[in-house]
């Protein structure tokens, strides 16, 4: 029995920033796994990717990350282009991977399953329901809100949201994704709508303005922590959720978990690539970092 199991594709990423163009592995599963690997938690990753990219899995295993990897078809290939404002990016998808199946996770047991679909057809609602029967389900919703048209990522609504969200315990979305899901530009109203559809913990990230957590009718205002530099925002949302779920599995309060998660994300944005810090690094930023609140 694992504490946390992440389910998601490892991708090929081309990241374009005003400073540089870099090619690297990516995806929710990649950034989440790197962020949580130095924490005191029993963790595993379930992923699929092309045979030619299995070297990425071996590098992650060499870092001590437990991985159940299936080589089939091809890997997802993303192009992420950031402007000077790191809160915004444009994307293209040059390759897609096969969706996950119930059979792939038949033998995996976990207290929390964190799902990181990158595209709308990565994880079917039937798999969400099956995992919810075994443990809590956490979801980064971004993948369900985008489809690929001629390699371009097009924003869509999630057709199965009302059916699926009944089986989601923890939902992570940013303010734009919350608006697409609920039709509301007010994040507080949006959070209430999502909770009304069955979500137990609604986590709404607001980039450099912090985040909001809504559960049991209560809002928690989570600050952002000013980073030492702003270099690359890729993977910061995944790093946030790694910190949040790590703290929640350890019994931290919603406020404590959110603040720890925010500090992890702020630490991560100061360099390119996945999170490389430790719990001690996060706690130091928590104690010394300048806070920015959304409200």
C-alpha atoms as a PDB file:
ATOM      1  CA  UNK A   1       0.000   0.000   0.000  1.00  0.00           C
ATOM      2  CA  UNK A   2       1.541   3.290  -1.118  1.00  0.00           C
ATOM      3  CA  UNK A   3       0.766   6.623   0.501  1.00  0.00           C
ATOM      4  CA  UNK A   4       0.555   8.369  -2.886  1.00  0.00           C
ATOM      5  CA  UNK A   5       0.423   7.039  -6.444  1.00  0.00           C
ATOM      6  CA  UNK A   6       0.696   9.459  -9.348  1.00  0.00           C
ATOM      7  CA  UNK A   7      -0.813   8.427 -12.701  1.00  0.00           C
ATOM      8  CA  UNK A   8       0.260  10.313 -15.806  1.00  0.00           C
ATOM      9  CA  UNK A   9       2.341  10.311 -18.962  1.00  0.00           C
ATOM     10  CA  UNK A  10       5.980  11.351 -18.980  1.00  0.00           C
ATOM     11  CA  UNK A  11       6.323  13.720 -21.918  1.00  0.00           C
ATOM     12  CA  UNK A  12       8.918  15.112 -24.238  1.00  0.00           C
ATOM     13  CA  UNK A  13       8.913  18.877 -23.642  1.00  0.00           C
ATOM     14  CA  UNK A  14      10.288  21.749 -25.654  1.00  0.00           C
ATOM     15  CA  UNK A  15      10.293  24.761 -23.313  1.00  0.00           C
ATOM     16  CA  UNK A  16      10.755  28.194 -24.869  1.00  0.00           C
ATOM     17  CA  UNK A  17      11.385  31.155 -22.540  1.00  0.00           C
ATOM     18  CA  UNK A  18      12.776  34.630 -23.257  1.00  0.00           C
ATOM     19  CA  UNK A  19      16.078  33.336 -21.854  1.00  0.00           C
ATOM     20  CA  UNK A  20      16.496  30.016 -23.688  1.00  0.00           C
ATOM     21  CA  UNK A  21      15.076  27.046 -25.610  1.00  0.00           C
ATOM     22  CA  UNK A  22      15.414  23.712 -23.798  1.00  0.00           C
ATOM     23  CA  UNK A  23      14.402  20.120 -24.486  1.00  0.00           C
ATOM     24  CA  UNK A  24      13.569  17.976 -21.471  1.00  0.00           C
ATOM     25  CA  UNK A  25      11.264  15.370 -20.028  1.00  0.00           C
ATOM     26  CA  UNK A  26       8.037  16.726 -18.567  1.00  0.00           C
ATOM     27  CA  UNK A  27       4.409  16.151 -17.691  1.00  0.00           C
ATOM     28  CA  UNK A  28       2.611  16.093 -14.349  1.00  0.00           C
ATOM     29  CA  UNK A  29       4.093  12.688 -13.523  1.00  0.00           C
ATOM     30  CA  UNK A  30       7.669  13.864 -14.120  1.00  0.00           C
ATOM     31  CA  UNK A  31       7.490  17.094 -12.116  1.00  0.00           C
ATOM     32  CA  UNK A  32       5.355  15.611  -9.340  1.00  0.00           C
ATOM     33  CA  UNK A  33       7.714  12.634  -8.920  1.00  0.00           C
ATOM     34  CA  UNK A  34      10.830  14.801  -8.775  1.00  0.00           C
ATOM     35  CA  UNK A  35       9.201  17.128  -6.252  1.00  0.00           C
ATOM     36  CA  UNK A  36       8.069  14.414  -3.864  1.00  0.00           C
ATOM     37  CA  UNK A  37      11.090  12.109  -4.070  1.00  0.00           C
ATOM     38  CA  UNK A  38      12.978  13.798  -1.200  1.00  0.00           C
ATOM     39  CA  UNK A  39       9.958  13.811   1.103  1.00  0.00           C
ATOM     40  CA  UNK A  40       9.254  11.190   3.763  1.00  0.00           C
ATOM     41  CA  UNK A  41       6.459   9.368   1.941  1.00  0.00           C
ATOM     42  CA  UNK A  42       5.846   5.943   0.363  1.00  0.00           C
ATOM     43  CA  UNK A  43       5.379   6.890  -3.298  1.00  0.00           C
ATOM     44  CA  UNK A  44       5.004   5.276  -6.720  1.00  0.00           C
ATOM     45  CA  UNK A  45       4.445   6.482 -10.278  1.00  0.00           C
ATOM     46  CA  UNK A  46       2.402   4.688 -12.947  1.00  0.00           C
ATOM     47  CA  UNK A  47       3.269   5.951 -16.422  1.00  0.00           C
ATOM     48  CA  UNK A  48       3.448   5.035 -20.105  1.00  0.00           C
ATOM     49  CA  UNK A  49       5.817   6.342 -22.751  1.00  0.00           C
ATOM     50  CA  UNK A  50       7.559   5.380 -25.977  1.00  0.00           C
ATOM     51  CA  UNK A  51      10.319   2.782 -25.814  1.00  0.00           C
ATOM     52  CA  UNK A  52      12.856   5.353 -27.003  1.00  0.00           C
ATOM     53  CA  UNK A  53      12.158   7.479 -23.905  1.00  0.00           C
ATOM     54  CA  UNK A  54      12.513   4.662 -21.331  1.00  0.00           C
ATOM     55  CA  UNK A  55      15.910   6.126 -20.505  1.00  0.00           C
ATOM     56  CA  UNK A  56      14.013   8.876 -18.667  1.00  0.00           C
ATOM     57  CA  UNK A  57      12.398   6.236 -16.438  1.00  0.00           C
ATOM     58  CA  UNK A  58      15.782   4.719 -15.651  1.00  0.00           C
ATOM     59  CA  UNK A  59      17.139   8.131 -14.642  1.00  0.00           C
ATOM     60  CA  UNK A  60      14.186   8.661 -12.319  1.00  0.00           C
ATOM     61  CA  UNK A  61      14.638   5.209 -10.807  1.00  0.00           C
ATOM     62  CA  UNK A  62      18.288   6.055 -10.207  1.00  0.00           C
ATOM     63  CA  UNK A  63      17.010   8.924  -8.029  1.00  0.00           C
ATOM     64  CA  UNK A  64      15.140   6.404  -5.885  1.00  0.00           C
ATOM     65  CA  UNK A  65      11.673   6.865  -7.409  1.00  0.00           C
ATOM     66  CA  UNK A  66       9.548   3.706  -7.646  1.00  0.00           C
ATOM     67  CA  UNK A  67       7.983   3.510 -11.119  1.00  0.00           C
ATOM     68  CA  UNK A  68       5.623   1.101 -12.890  1.00  0.00           C
ATOM     69  CA  UNK A  69       6.301   2.002 -16.522  1.00  0.00           C
ATOM     70  CA  UNK A  70       4.758   0.554 -19.674  1.00  0.00           C
ATOM     71  CA  UNK A  71       6.530   1.195 -22.957  1.00  0.00           C
ATOM     72  CA  UNK A  72       3.919   1.338 -25.713  1.00  0.00           C
ATOM     73  CA  UNK A  73       3.182   3.494 -28.738  1.00  0.00           C
ATOM     74  CA  UNK A  74       4.806   6.896 -28.533  1.00  0.00           C
ATOM     75  CA  UNK A  75       5.371   9.561 -25.910  1.00  0.00           C
ATOM     76  CA  UNK A  76       3.424  12.801 -25.610  1.00  0.00           C
ATOM     77  CA  UNK A  77       5.428  15.661 -27.148  1.00  0.00           C
ATOM     78  CA  UNK A  78       4.612  19.173 -25.879  1.00  0.00           C
ATOM     79  CA  UNK A  79       5.918  22.553 -26.945  1.00  0.00           C
ATOM     80  CA  UNK A  80       5.496  25.175 -24.178  1.00  0.00           C
ATOM     81  CA  UNK A  81       6.183  28.821 -25.038  1.00  0.00           C
ATOM     82  CA  UNK A  82       6.397  31.385 -22.208  1.00  0.00           C
ATOM     83  CA  UNK A  83       6.475  35.162 -22.516  1.00  0.00           C
ATOM     84  CA  UNK A  84       8.036  37.481 -19.944  1.00  0.00           C
ATOM     85  CA  UNK A  85       4.883  36.898 -17.857  1.00  0.00           C
ATOM     86  CA  UNK A  86       5.535  33.388 -16.539  1.00  0.00           C
ATOM     87  CA  UNK A  87       1.882  32.970 -15.502  1.00  0.00           C
ATOM     88  CA  UNK A  88       0.915  32.443 -19.166  1.00  0.00           C
ATOM     89  CA  UNK A  89       2.012  30.051 -21.902  1.00  0.00           C
ATOM     90  CA  UNK A  90       1.009  28.801 -25.346  1.00  0.00           C
ATOM     91  CA  UNK A  91       1.193  25.122 -26.228  1.00  0.00           C
ATOM     92  CA  UNK A  92       1.375  22.728 -29.144  1.00  0.00           C
ATOM     93  CA  UNK A  93       1.216  18.918 -29.064  1.00  0.00           C
ATOM     94  CA  UNK A  94       3.334  17.173 -31.670  1.00  0.00           C
ATOM     95  CA  UNK A  95       2.633  13.572 -30.513  1.00  0.00           C
ATOM     96  CA  UNK A  96       0.004  11.820 -28.360  1.00  0.00           C
ATOM     97  CA  UNK A  97       0.278   8.683 -26.208  1.00  0.00           C
ATOM     98  CA  UNK A  98      -2.083   5.794 -25.488  1.00  0.00           C
ATOM     99  CA  UNK A  99      -4.663   6.328 -22.697  1.00  0.00           C
ATOM    100  CA  UNK A 100      -4.345   4.604 -19.317  1.00  0.00           C
ATOM    101  CA  UNK A 101      -6.441   1.512 -18.589  1.00  0.00           C
ATOM    102  CA  UNK A 102      -7.918  -0.139 -15.510  1.00  0.00           C
ATOM    103  CA  UNK A 103      -5.731  -3.178 -16.200  1.00  0.00           C
ATOM    104  CA  UNK A 104      -2.548  -1.104 -15.833  1.00  0.00           C
ATOM    105  CA  UNK A 105      -3.494  -0.160 -12.269  1.00  0.00           C
ATOM    106  CA  UNK A 106      -5.118  -3.439 -11.254  1.00  0.00           C
ATOM    107  CA  UNK A 107      -2.364  -4.325  -8.775  1.00  0.00           C
ATOM    108  CA  UNK A 108      -1.663  -0.802  -7.459  1.00  0.00           C
ATOM    109  CA  UNK A 109      -3.028   0.176  -4.054  1.00  0.00           C
ATOM    110  CA  UNK A 110      -2.635   3.655  -2.583  1.00  0.00           C
ATOM    111  CA  UNK A 111      -4.194   5.956  -0.005  1.00  0.00           C
ATOM    112  CA  UNK A 112      -4.235   8.785  -2.564  1.00  0.00           C
ATOM    113  CA  UNK A 113      -4.206   8.458  -6.361  1.00  0.00           C
ATOM    114  CA  UNK A 114      -3.083  11.718  -7.963  1.00  0.00           C
ATOM    115  CA  UNK A 115      -4.203  11.877 -11.590  1.00  0.00           C
ATOM    116  CA  UNK A 116      -2.364  14.077 -14.053  1.00  0.00           C
ATOM    117  CA  UNK A 117      -4.039  13.776 -17.466  1.00  0.00           C
ATOM    118  CA  UNK A 118      -2.389  15.965 -20.079  1.00  0.00           C
ATOM    119  CA  UNK A 119      -5.106  15.618 -22.712  1.00  0.00           C
ATOM    120  CA  UNK A 120      -8.852  14.955 -22.511  1.00  0.00           C
ATOM    121  CA  UNK A 121      -8.664  11.256 -23.450  1.00  0.00           C
ATOM    122  CA  UNK A 122      -5.735  10.228 -21.205  1.00  0.00           C
ATOM    123  CA  UNK A 123      -7.822   8.883 -18.300  1.00  0.00           C
ATOM    124  CA  UNK A 124     -11.405   7.681 -18.761  1.00  0.00           C
ATOM    125  CA  UNK A 125     -14.114   8.302 -16.162  1.00  0.00           C
ATOM    126  CA  UNK A 126     -14.381   4.529 -15.596  1.00  0.00           C
ATOM    127  CA  UNK A 127     -10.789   4.521 -14.317  1.00  0.00           C
ATOM    128  CA  UNK A 128     -11.534   7.439 -11.985  1.00  0.00           C
ATOM    129  CA  UNK A 129     -14.478   5.506 -10.520  1.00  0.00           C
ATOM    130  CA  UNK A 130     -12.376   2.363 -10.063  1.00  0.00           C
ATOM    131  CA  UNK A 131      -9.583   4.217  -8.247  1.00  0.00           C
ATOM    132  CA  UNK A 132     -12.110   6.036  -6.044  1.00  0.00           C
ATOM    133  CA  UNK A 133     -13.308   2.661  -4.799  1.00  0.00           C
ATOM    134  CA  UNK A 134      -9.770   1.968  -3.528  1.00  0.00           C
ATOM    135  CA  UNK A 135      -8.674   5.303  -2.055  1.00  0.00           C
ATOM    136  CA  UNK A 136      -8.899   9.064  -2.333  1.00  0.00           C
ATOM    137  CA  UNK A 137      -8.590  10.551  -5.813  1.00  0.00           C
ATOM    138  CA  UNK A 138      -6.751  13.809  -6.440  1.00  0.00           C
ATOM    139  CA  UNK A 139      -6.980  15.394  -9.889  1.00  0.00           C
ATOM    140  CA  UNK A 140      -5.139  18.127 -11.747  1.00  0.00           C
ATOM    141  CA  UNK A 141      -7.948  18.985 -14.149  1.00  0.00           C
ATOM    142  CA  UNK A 142      -5.917  20.772 -16.845  1.00  0.00           C
ATOM    143  CA  UNK A 143      -5.780  17.834 -19.276  1.00  0.00           C
ATOM    144  CA  UNK A 144      -9.558  17.461 -19.452  1.00  0.00           C
ATOM    145  CA  UNK A 145      -9.869  21.059 -20.611  1.00  0.00           C
ATOM    146  CA  UNK A 146      -7.771  20.814 -23.739  1.00  0.00           C
ATOM    147  CA  UNK A 147      -7.805  18.881 -26.975  1.00  0.00           C
ATOM    148  CA  UNK A 148      -5.423  18.865 -29.920  1.00  0.00           C
ATOM    149  CA  UNK A 149      -6.506  20.306 -33.278  1.00  0.00           C
ATOM    150  CA  UNK A 150      -3.801  20.363 -35.963  1.00  0.00           C
ATOM    151  CA  UNK A 151      -1.129  20.192 -33.237  1.00  0.00           C
ATOM    152  CA  UNK A 152      -2.573  23.242 -31.484  1.00  0.00           C
ATOM    153  CA  UNK A 153      -3.980  22.972 -27.966  1.00  0.00           C
ATOM    154  CA  UNK A 154      -7.603  24.147 -27.965  1.00  0.00           C
ATOM    155  CA  UNK A 155      -9.485  24.965 -24.765  1.00  0.00           C
ATOM    156  CA  UNK A 156     -12.649  22.891 -24.217  1.00  0.00           C
ATOM    157  CA  UNK A 157     -15.075  22.161 -21.387  1.00  0.00           C
ATOM    158  CA  UNK A 158     -15.052  18.710 -19.753  1.00  0.00           C
ATOM    159  CA  UNK A 159     -18.115  16.914 -21.058  1.00  0.00           C
ATOM    160  CA  UNK A 160     -18.107  14.298 -18.268  1.00  0.00           C
ATOM    161  CA  UNK A 161     -17.353  16.686 -15.392  1.00  0.00           C
ATOM    162  CA  UNK A 162     -20.594  16.252 -13.451  1.00  0.00           C
ATOM    163  CA  UNK A 163     -20.306  12.462 -13.544  1.00  0.00           C
ATOM    164  CA  UNK A 164     -16.578  12.385 -12.807  1.00  0.00           C
ATOM    165  CA  UNK A 165     -16.314  15.045 -10.080  1.00  0.00           C
ATOM    166  CA  UNK A 166     -18.551  13.001  -7.782  1.00  0.00           C
ATOM    167  CA  UNK A 167     -15.545  10.676  -7.490  1.00  0.00           C
ATOM    168  CA  UNK A 168     -12.862  13.348  -6.992  1.00  0.00           C
ATOM    169  CA  UNK A 169     -11.787  14.087  -3.427  1.00  0.00           C
ATOM    170  CA  UNK A 170      -9.182  16.765  -4.220  1.00  0.00           C
ATOM    171  CA  UNK A 171      -9.337  18.959  -7.334  1.00  0.00           C
ATOM    172  CA  UNK A 172      -6.576  21.316  -8.461  1.00  0.00           C
ATOM    173  CA  UNK A 173      -7.376  24.009 -11.049  1.00  0.00           C
ATOM    174  CA  UNK A 174      -6.135  27.510 -11.821  1.00  0.00           C
ATOM    175  CA  UNK A 175      -8.479  30.491 -12.121  1.00  0.00           C
ATOM    176  CA  UNK A 176      -8.914  30.070 -15.892  1.00  0.00           C
ATOM    177  CA  UNK A 177      -9.691  26.362 -15.601  1.00  0.00           C
ATOM    178  CA  UNK A 178     -12.165  27.109 -12.809  1.00  0.00           C
ATOM    179  CA  UNK A 179     -13.966  29.562 -15.089  1.00  0.00           C
ATOM    180  CA  UNK A 180     -14.152  27.033 -17.934  1.00  0.00           C
ATOM    181  CA  UNK A 181     -15.518  24.341 -15.608  1.00  0.00           C
ATOM    182  CA  UNK A 182     -18.075  26.469 -13.773  1.00  0.00           C
ATOM    183  CA  UNK A 183     -18.788  29.446 -16.034  1.00  0.00           C
ATOM    184  CA  UNK A 184     -17.976  31.817 -13.176  1.00  0.00           C
ATOM    185  CA  UNK A 185     -15.208  34.440 -13.187  1.00  0.00           C
ATOM    186  CA  UNK A 186     -15.446  34.630  -9.392  1.00  0.00           C
ATOM    187  CA  UNK A 187     -13.103  32.005  -7.933  1.00  0.00           C
ATOM    188  CA  UNK A 188     -15.104  31.801  -4.706  1.00  0.00           C
ATOM    189  CA  UNK A 189     -18.353  31.110  -6.522  1.00  0.00           C
ATOM    190  CA  UNK A 190     -16.491  28.688  -8.794  1.00  0.00           C
ATOM    191  CA  UNK A 191     -15.111  26.804  -5.796  1.00  0.00           C
ATOM    192  CA  UNK A 192     -18.591  26.508  -4.304  1.00  0.00           C
ATOM    193  CA  UNK A 193     -19.958  25.152  -7.598  1.00  0.00           C
ATOM    194  CA  UNK A 194     -17.196  22.535  -7.777  1.00  0.00           C
ATOM    195  CA  UNK A 195     -17.870  21.512  -4.191  1.00  0.00           C
ATOM    196  CA  UNK A 196     -21.562  21.248  -5.038  1.00  0.00           C
ATOM    197  CA  UNK A 197     -20.659  18.757  -7.753  1.00  0.00           C
ATOM    198  CA  UNK A 198     -18.985  16.527  -5.171  1.00  0.00           C
ATOM    199  CA  UNK A 199     -15.372  17.685  -4.770  1.00  0.00           C
ATOM    200  CA  UNK A 200     -14.246  17.538  -1.113  1.00  0.00           C
ATOM    201  CA  UNK A 201     -11.178  19.806  -1.358  1.00  0.00           C
ATOM    202  CA  UNK A 202     -11.035  22.471  -4.086  1.00  0.00           C
ATOM    203  CA  UNK A 203      -7.544  23.892  -4.679  1.00  0.00           C
ATOM    204  CA  UNK A 204      -7.420  26.943  -6.973  1.00  0.00           C
ATOM    205  CA  UNK A 205      -3.948  28.233  -7.854  1.00  0.00           C
ATOM    206  CA  UNK A 206      -3.511  31.879  -8.814  1.00  0.00           C
ATOM    207  CA  UNK A 207       0.105  31.986 -10.011  1.00  0.00           C
ATOM    208  CA  UNK A 208       2.104  34.761  -8.384  1.00  0.00           C
ATOM    209  CA  UNK A 209      -0.983  35.791  -6.367  1.00  0.00           C
ATOM    210  CA  UNK A 210      -1.072  32.625  -4.263  1.00  0.00           C
ATOM    211  CA  UNK A 211      -3.908  30.108  -4.045  1.00  0.00           C
ATOM    212  CA  UNK A 212      -7.245  29.359  -2.384  1.00  0.00           C
ATOM    213  CA  UNK A 213      -8.424  26.123  -0.789  1.00  0.00           C
ATOM    214  CA  UNK A 214     -12.135  25.486  -0.198  1.00  0.00           C
ATOM    215  CA  UNK A 215     -13.420  22.622   1.918  1.00  0.00           C
ATOM    216  CA  UNK A 216     -16.370  22.048   4.271  1.00  0.00           C
ATOM    217  CA  UNK A 217     -17.693  25.535   3.529  1.00  0.00           C
ATOM    218  CA  UNK A 218     -14.466  27.283   4.570  1.00  0.00           C
ATOM    219  CA  UNK A 219     -11.991  29.231   2.392  1.00  0.00           C
ATOM    220  CA  UNK A 220      -8.278  29.185   3.203  1.00  0.00           C
ATOM    221  CA  UNK A 221      -6.199  32.054   1.791  1.00  0.00           C
ATOM    222  CA  UNK A 222      -2.753  30.742   0.819  1.00  0.00           C
ATOM    223  CA  UNK A 223      -0.014  33.269   0.012  1.00  0.00           C
ATOM    224  CA  UNK A 224       2.593  32.984  -2.701  1.00  0.00           C
ATOM    225  CA  UNK A 225       6.188  33.242  -1.513  1.00  0.00           C
ATOM    226  CA  UNK A 226       8.366  35.655  -3.489  1.00  0.00           C
ATOM    227  CA  UNK A 227      11.084  33.563  -5.200  1.00  0.00           C
ATOM    228  CA  UNK A 228      14.724  34.594  -5.370  1.00  0.00           C
ATOM    229  CA  UNK A 229      14.315  34.746  -9.178  1.00  0.00           C
ATOM    230  CA  UNK A 230      11.685  33.979 -11.818  1.00  0.00           C
ATOM    231  CA  UNK A 231      13.260  31.615 -14.341  1.00  0.00           C
ATOM    232  CA  UNK A 232      10.813  28.905 -15.469  1.00  0.00           C
ATOM    233  CA  UNK A 233       7.240  28.254 -14.285  1.00  0.00           C
ATOM    234  CA  UNK A 234       6.973  24.832 -15.970  1.00  0.00           C
ATOM    235  CA  UNK A 235       5.958  22.193 -13.433  1.00  0.00           C
ATOM    236  CA  UNK A 236       5.173  24.628 -10.609  1.00  0.00           C
ATOM    237  CA  UNK A 237       1.552  23.482 -10.349  1.00  0.00           C
ATOM    238  CA  UNK A 238       2.711  19.866 -10.117  1.00  0.00           C
ATOM    239  CA  UNK A 239       5.281  20.817  -7.495  1.00  0.00           C
ATOM    240  CA  UNK A 240       2.543  22.611  -5.532  1.00  0.00           C
ATOM    241  CA  UNK A 241       0.368  19.491  -5.521  1.00  0.00           C
ATOM    242  CA  UNK A 242       3.287  17.281  -4.488  1.00  0.00           C
ATOM    243  CA  UNK A 243       3.798  19.499  -1.453  1.00  0.00           C
ATOM    244  CA  UNK A 244       0.090  19.727  -0.701  1.00  0.00           C
ATOM    245  CA  UNK A 245      -0.602  15.982  -0.860  1.00  0.00           C
ATOM    246  CA  UNK A 246       2.584  15.194   1.066  1.00  0.00           C
ATOM    247  CA  UNK A 247       1.458  17.449   3.891  1.00  0.00           C
ATOM    248  CA  UNK A 248      -2.131  16.187   3.830  1.00  0.00           C
ATOM    249  CA  UNK A 249      -1.013  12.538   4.024  1.00  0.00           C
ATOM    250  CA  UNK A 250       1.089  13.550   7.049  1.00  0.00           C
ATOM    251  CA  UNK A 251      -1.975  15.047   8.750  1.00  0.00           C
ATOM    252  CA  UNK A 252      -1.264  18.759   8.235  1.00  0.00           C
ATOM    253  CA  UNK A 253      -4.142  21.230   8.256  1.00  0.00           C
ATOM    254  CA  UNK A 254      -5.427  22.723   5.002  1.00  0.00           C
ATOM    255  CA  UNK A 255      -3.664  26.033   5.741  1.00  0.00           C
ATOM    256  CA  UNK A 256      -0.379  24.349   6.628  1.00  0.00           C
ATOM    257  CA  UNK A 257      -0.496  22.074   3.589  1.00  0.00           C
ATOM    258  CA  UNK A 258      -1.307  24.974   1.263  1.00  0.00           C
ATOM    259  CA  UNK A 259       1.493  27.165   2.592  1.00  0.00           C
ATOM    260  CA  UNK A 260       4.040  24.362   2.341  1.00  0.00           C
ATOM    261  CA  UNK A 261       2.867  23.672  -1.230  1.00  0.00           C
ATOM    262  CA  UNK A 262       3.109  27.342  -2.178  1.00  0.00           C
ATOM    263  CA  UNK A 263       6.638  27.584  -0.817  1.00  0.00           C
ATOM    264  CA  UNK A 264       7.660  24.488  -2.811  1.00  0.00           C
ATOM    265  CA  UNK A 265       6.276  26.030  -5.998  1.00  0.00           C
ATOM    266  CA  UNK A 266       8.017  29.356  -5.344  1.00  0.00           C
ATOM    267  CA  UNK A 267      11.306  27.564  -4.707  1.00  0.00           C
ATOM    268  CA  UNK A 268      10.874  25.677  -7.975  1.00  0.00           C
ATOM    269  CA  UNK A 269      10.216  28.742 -10.159  1.00  0.00           C
ATOM    270  CA  UNK A 270      13.673  30.128  -9.361  1.00  0.00           C
ATOM    271  CA  UNK A 271      15.385  27.572 -11.622  1.00  0.00           C
ATOM    272  CA  UNK A 272      14.714  25.638 -14.803  1.00  0.00           C
ATOM    273  CA  UNK A 273      13.603  22.021 -14.613  1.00  0.00           C
ATOM    274  CA  UNK A 274      12.023  19.993 -11.802  1.00  0.00           C
ATOM    275  CA  UNK A 275      12.180  20.693  -8.070  1.00  0.00           C
ATOM    276  CA  UNK A 276      15.534  19.697  -6.591  1.00  0.00           C
ATOM    277  CA  UNK A 277      15.176  20.988  -3.041  1.00  0.00           C
ATOM    278  CA  UNK A 278      14.488  19.324   0.277  1.00  0.00           C
ATOM    279  CA  UNK A 279      11.862  19.694   2.969  1.00  0.00           C
ATOM    280  CA  UNK A 280      14.346  21.835   4.901  1.00  0.00           C
ATOM    281  CA  UNK A 281      14.682  24.210   1.909  1.00  0.00           C
ATOM    282  CA  UNK A 282      10.902  24.614   1.792  1.00  0.00           C
ATOM    283  CA  UNK A 283      10.647  25.265   5.519  1.00  0.00           C
ATOM    284  CA  UNK A 284      13.380  27.907   5.279  1.00  0.00           C
ATOM    285  CA  UNK A 285      11.450  29.747   2.554  1.00  0.00           C
ATOM    286  CA  UNK A 286       8.284  29.421   4.633  1.00  0.00           C
ATOM    287  CA  UNK A 287       9.999  31.133   7.546  1.00  0.00           C
ATOM    288  CA  UNK A 288      11.894  33.827   5.633  1.00  0.00           C
ATOM    289  CA  UNK A 289      10.070  34.390   2.338  1.00  0.00           C
ATOM    290  CA  UNK A 290       7.975  37.483   1.554  1.00  0.00           C
ATOM    291  CA  UNK A 291       4.272  36.594   1.299  1.00  0.00           C
ATOM    292  CA  UNK A 292       1.847  37.784  -1.385  1.00  0.00           C
ATOM    293  CA  UNK A 293      -1.862  37.221  -0.699  1.00  0.00           C
ATOM    294  CA  UNK A 294      -4.633  37.017  -3.311  1.00  0.00           C
ATOM    295  CA  UNK A 295      -7.237  38.727  -1.061  1.00  0.00           C
END
